[in-house]
Amino acid sequence: MTDPKEARRQKVDEIHFLADNFGIAPVRGAELVADGSDADDLASEAMIEERQRDPLAGVPVPGPDKDPEHIEKGVADLHKPIAHRRSAPT
């Protein structure tokens, strides 16, 4: 038999799957995978976990100590020169 904690964890994972892949709200997803007050508990647990997730996990972001004007060496050649809109000297 499946451990009750593991079964609960699996249901919460299913709620996250429905939310991430199909845009189904956690409350509605919990109603699909469970019924009654168990669905409410699962929905609240899934929403708490959702709030604690880092939306930028796995995405490269600049370090906090870098200068905002910093340009990586390999990318510098890709920048276009700035053309000023000043009139030509007469």
N, C-alpha and C. Protein backbone atom coordinates (compact mmCIF):
# COMPACT_ATOMS: atom_id res chain seq x y z
N MET A 1 0.83 -1.19 0.00
CA MET A 1 0.00 0.00 0.00
C MET A 1 0.87 1.25 0.00
N THR A 2 0.27 2.31 -0.47
CA THR A 2 0.97 3.58 -0.55
C THR A 2 0.90 4.30 0.78
N ASP A 3 2.00 4.89 1.15
CA ASP A 3 2.07 5.68 2.37
C ASP A 3 1.14 6.89 2.24
N PRO A 4 0.33 7.22 3.26
CA PRO A 4 -0.60 8.36 3.15
C PRO A 4 0.09 9.69 2.85
N LYS A 5 1.28 9.89 3.41
CA LYS A 5 2.01 11.13 3.13
C LYS A 5 2.44 11.18 1.67
N GLU A 6 2.87 10.02 1.17
CA GLU A 6 3.31 9.97 -0.24
C GLU A 6 2.11 10.16 -1.17
N ALA A 7 0.96 9.59 -0.81
CA ALA A 7 -0.24 9.76 -1.63
C ALA A 7 -0.67 11.22 -1.65
N ARG A 8 -0.58 11.88 -0.49
CA ARG A 8 -0.93 13.30 -0.41
C ARG A 8 0.03 14.13 -1.26
N ARG A 9 1.33 13.80 -1.17
CA ARG A 9 2.34 14.51 -1.95
C ARG A 9 2.08 14.35 -3.44
N GLN A 10 1.67 13.15 -3.84
CA GLN A 10 1.39 12.89 -5.24
C GLN A 10 0.19 13.73 -5.71
N LYS A 11 -0.81 13.88 -4.86
CA LYS A 11 -1.98 14.68 -5.23
C LYS A 11 -1.60 16.16 -5.37
N VAL A 12 -0.73 16.64 -4.48
CA VAL A 12 -0.28 18.04 -4.57
C VAL A 12 0.53 18.23 -5.84
N ASP A 13 1.36 17.23 -6.19
CA ASP A 13 2.12 17.31 -7.45
C ASP A 13 1.19 17.34 -8.66
N GLU A 14 0.09 16.58 -8.59
CA GLU A 14 -0.88 16.59 -9.68
C GLU A 14 -1.55 17.97 -9.80
N ILE A 15 -1.81 18.60 -8.67
CA ILE A 15 -2.39 19.95 -8.68
C ILE A 15 -1.42 20.92 -9.34
N HIS A 16 -0.13 20.82 -9.00
CA HIS A 16 0.88 21.69 -9.63
C HIS A 16 0.96 21.41 -11.13
N PHE A 17 0.87 20.16 -11.51
CA PHE A 17 0.92 19.80 -12.93
C PHE A 17 -0.24 20.44 -13.68
N LEU A 18 -1.44 20.35 -13.11
CA LEU A 18 -2.61 20.94 -13.75
C LEU A 18 -2.48 22.46 -13.85
N ALA A 19 -1.93 23.07 -12.81
CA ALA A 19 -1.78 24.53 -12.80
C ALA A 19 -0.71 24.97 -13.80
N ASP A 20 0.42 24.27 -13.83
CA ASP A 20 1.53 24.67 -14.70
C ASP A 20 1.25 24.41 -16.18
N ASN A 21 0.66 23.27 -16.48
CA ASN A 21 0.51 22.88 -17.88
C ASN A 21 -0.83 23.25 -18.51
N PHE A 22 -1.85 23.43 -17.68
CA PHE A 22 -3.17 23.69 -18.24
C PHE A 22 -3.80 24.97 -17.72
N GLY A 23 -3.10 25.69 -16.83
CA GLY A 23 -3.61 26.95 -16.30
C GLY A 23 -4.82 26.79 -15.39
N ILE A 24 -4.97 25.62 -14.81
CA ILE A 24 -6.10 25.37 -13.91
C ILE A 24 -5.72 25.88 -12.52
N ALA A 25 -6.59 26.67 -11.93
CA ALA A 25 -6.34 27.22 -10.59
C ALA A 25 -6.20 26.07 -9.60
N PRO A 26 -5.34 26.24 -8.58
CA PRO A 26 -5.13 25.16 -7.60
C PRO A 26 -6.42 24.70 -6.91
N VAL A 27 -7.34 25.61 -6.67
CA VAL A 27 -8.60 25.21 -6.02
C VAL A 27 -9.38 24.26 -6.93
N ARG A 28 -9.47 24.58 -8.21
CA ARG A 28 -10.18 23.73 -9.16
C ARG A 28 -9.42 22.42 -9.37
N GLY A 29 -8.10 22.49 -9.43
CA GLY A 29 -7.29 21.28 -9.59
C GLY A 29 -7.46 20.34 -8.41
N ALA A 30 -7.56 20.91 -7.19
CA ALA A 30 -7.75 20.09 -6.00
C ALA A 30 -9.11 19.40 -6.05
N GLU A 31 -10.11 20.08 -6.58
CA GLU A 31 -11.44 19.47 -6.71
C GLU A 31 -11.41 18.30 -7.70
N LEU A 32 -10.50 18.37 -8.67
CA LEU A 32 -10.41 17.29 -9.65
C LEU A 32 -9.70 16.06 -9.10
N VAL A 33 -8.74 16.26 -8.19
CA VAL A 33 -7.96 15.12 -7.68
C VAL A 33 -8.45 14.62 -6.33
N ALA A 34 -9.30 15.36 -5.64
CA ALA A 34 -9.80 14.94 -4.32
C ALA A 34 -11.19 15.52 -4.11
N ASP A 35 -11.85 15.11 -3.03
CA ASP A 35 -13.17 15.66 -2.76
C ASP A 35 -13.30 16.10 -1.30
N GLY A 36 -14.27 16.96 -1.07
CA GLY A 36 -14.58 17.41 0.28
C GLY A 36 -13.52 18.31 0.89
N SER A 37 -13.36 18.18 2.20
CA SER A 37 -12.42 19.04 2.91
C SER A 37 -10.98 18.68 2.56
N ASP A 38 -10.76 17.44 2.10
CA ASP A 38 -9.42 17.05 1.67
C ASP A 38 -8.99 17.91 0.48
N ALA A 39 -9.92 18.24 -0.41
CA ALA A 39 -9.60 19.09 -1.56
C ALA A 39 -9.21 20.48 -1.10
N ASP A 40 -9.91 21.00 -0.09
CA ASP A 40 -9.56 22.33 0.44
C ASP A 40 -8.17 22.34 1.04
N ASP A 41 -7.85 21.29 1.81
CA ASP A 41 -6.52 21.20 2.43
C ASP A 41 -5.43 21.09 1.37
N LEU A 42 -5.68 20.27 0.36
CA LEU A 42 -4.69 20.11 -0.72
C LEU A 42 -4.51 21.41 -1.49
N ALA A 43 -5.61 22.12 -1.74
CA ALA A 43 -5.53 23.39 -2.47
C ALA A 43 -4.72 24.41 -1.69
N SER A 44 -4.94 24.50 -0.39
CA SER A 44 -4.19 25.47 0.40
C SER A 44 -2.72 25.10 0.45
N GLU A 45 -2.42 23.81 0.56
CA GLU A 45 -1.02 23.37 0.57
C GLU A 45 -0.35 23.69 -0.77
N ALA A 46 -1.06 23.46 -1.86
CA ALA A 46 -0.50 23.74 -3.19
C ALA A 46 -0.28 25.24 -3.37
N MET A 47 -1.20 26.07 -2.88
CA MET A 47 -1.04 27.52 -3.02
C MET A 47 0.12 28.04 -2.17
N ILE A 48 0.31 27.47 -0.99
CA ILE A 48 1.45 27.87 -0.15
C ILE A 48 2.76 27.53 -0.86
N GLU A 49 2.83 26.32 -1.42
CA GLU A 49 4.05 25.93 -2.15
C GLU A 49 4.27 26.83 -3.37
N GLU A 50 3.19 27.20 -4.04
CA GLU A 50 3.29 28.07 -5.22
C GLU A 50 3.88 29.42 -4.84
N ARG A 51 3.46 29.95 -3.71
CA ARG A 51 3.98 31.25 -3.26
C ARG A 51 5.45 31.17 -2.89
N GLN A 52 5.91 30.00 -2.46
CA GLN A 52 7.29 29.85 -2.03
C GLN A 52 8.23 29.52 -3.19
N ARG A 53 7.68 29.20 -4.36
CA ARG A 53 8.52 28.89 -5.52
C ARG A 53 9.26 30.13 -5.99
N ASP A 54 10.47 29.92 -6.46
CA ASP A 54 11.26 31.00 -7.05
C ASP A 54 10.97 31.04 -8.54
N PRO A 55 10.35 32.13 -9.04
CA PRO A 55 10.01 32.17 -10.46
C PRO A 55 11.22 32.23 -11.38
N LEU A 56 12.37 32.61 -10.84
CA LEU A 56 13.57 32.71 -11.67
C LEU A 56 14.55 31.56 -11.44
N ALA A 57 14.08 30.49 -10.82
CA ALA A 57 14.96 29.33 -10.59
C ALA A 57 15.37 28.75 -11.93
N GLY A 58 16.66 28.57 -12.11
CA GLY A 58 17.16 28.01 -13.35
C GLY A 58 17.35 29.01 -14.48
N VAL A 59 17.02 30.27 -14.24
CA VAL A 59 17.18 31.30 -15.26
C VAL A 59 18.42 32.12 -14.88
N PRO A 60 19.32 32.34 -15.83
CA PRO A 60 20.51 33.12 -15.49
C PRO A 60 20.14 34.59 -15.22
N VAL A 61 20.51 35.07 -14.08
CA VAL A 61 20.29 36.47 -13.72
C VAL A 61 21.62 37.06 -13.27
N PRO A 62 21.83 38.36 -13.47
CA PRO A 62 23.09 38.96 -13.07
C PRO A 62 23.24 38.94 -11.55
N GLY A 63 24.46 38.83 -11.12
CA GLY A 63 24.74 38.85 -9.69
C GLY A 63 24.47 40.22 -9.11
N PRO A 64 24.18 40.29 -7.81
CA PRO A 64 23.86 41.58 -7.20
C PRO A 64 25.05 42.55 -7.15
N ASP A 65 26.27 42.02 -7.28
CA ASP A 65 27.44 42.87 -7.20
C ASP A 65 27.87 43.43 -8.55
N LYS A 66 27.18 43.08 -9.64
CA LYS A 66 27.55 43.58 -10.97
C LYS A 66 27.02 44.98 -11.19
N ASP A 67 27.79 45.76 -11.91
CA ASP A 67 27.38 47.10 -12.30
C ASP A 67 26.23 46.99 -13.30
N PRO A 68 25.18 47.80 -13.18
CA PRO A 68 24.06 47.70 -14.12
C PRO A 68 24.47 47.96 -15.57
N GLU A 69 25.55 48.67 -15.79
CA GLU A 69 26.02 48.97 -17.14
C GLU A 69 26.99 47.91 -17.67
N HIS A 70 27.19 46.84 -16.90
CA HIS A 70 28.14 45.79 -17.27
C HIS A 70 27.70 45.08 -18.55
N ILE A 71 28.65 44.86 -19.45
CA ILE A 71 28.39 44.14 -20.70
C ILE A 71 29.38 42.98 -20.76
N GLU A 72 28.86 41.80 -20.96
CA GLU A 72 29.73 40.62 -21.05
C GLU A 72 30.66 40.76 -22.25
N LYS A 73 31.85 40.20 -22.16
CA LYS A 73 32.85 40.35 -23.21
C LYS A 73 32.38 39.76 -24.54
N GLY A 74 31.77 38.59 -24.53
CA GLY A 74 31.36 37.95 -25.77
C GLY A 74 30.17 38.62 -26.44
N VAL A 75 29.47 39.46 -25.70
CA VAL A 75 28.26 40.09 -26.22
C VAL A 75 28.55 41.50 -26.72
N ALA A 76 29.66 42.06 -26.35
CA ALA A 76 29.96 43.44 -26.69
C ALA A 76 29.96 43.69 -28.19
N ASP A 77 30.39 42.71 -29.01
CA ASP A 77 30.44 42.93 -30.46
C ASP A 77 29.04 42.98 -31.07
N LEU A 78 28.04 42.45 -30.38
CA LEU A 78 26.68 42.41 -30.92
C LEU A 78 25.95 43.73 -30.78
N HIS A 79 26.47 44.63 -29.96
CA HIS A 79 25.80 45.91 -29.76
C HIS A 79 26.02 46.83 -30.95
N LYS A 80 24.99 47.53 -31.32
CA LYS A 80 25.09 48.46 -32.44
C LYS A 80 25.63 49.79 -31.91
N PRO A 81 26.37 50.51 -32.74
CA PRO A 81 26.86 51.83 -32.30
C PRO A 81 25.69 52.80 -32.16
N ILE A 82 25.83 53.73 -31.26
CA ILE A 82 24.77 54.73 -31.04
C ILE A 82 24.93 55.84 -32.04
N ALA A 83 23.91 56.13 -32.79
CA ALA A 83 23.92 57.22 -33.74
C ALA A 83 23.14 58.38 -33.11
N HIS A 84 23.82 59.47 -32.87
CA HIS A 84 23.18 60.63 -32.27
C HIS A 84 22.41 61.41 -33.33
N ARG A 85 21.38 62.09 -32.91
CA ARG A 85 20.55 62.82 -33.86
C ARG A 85 20.97 64.28 -33.95
N ARG A 86 22.17 64.55 -33.68
CA ARG A 86 22.63 65.94 -33.80
C ARG A 86 22.83 66.27 -35.29
N SER A 87 22.63 67.51 -35.60
CA SER A 87 22.81 67.89 -37.02
C SER A 87 24.30 67.94 -37.33
N ALA A 88 24.61 67.71 -38.59
CA ALA A 88 25.99 67.71 -39.02
C ALA A 88 26.55 69.13 -38.95
N PRO A 89 27.83 69.26 -38.63
CA PRO A 89 28.44 70.62 -38.56
C PRO A 89 28.36 71.29 -39.93
N THR A 90 28.06 72.57 -39.90
CA THR A 90 27.95 73.32 -41.15
C THR A 90 29.08 74.28 -41.34
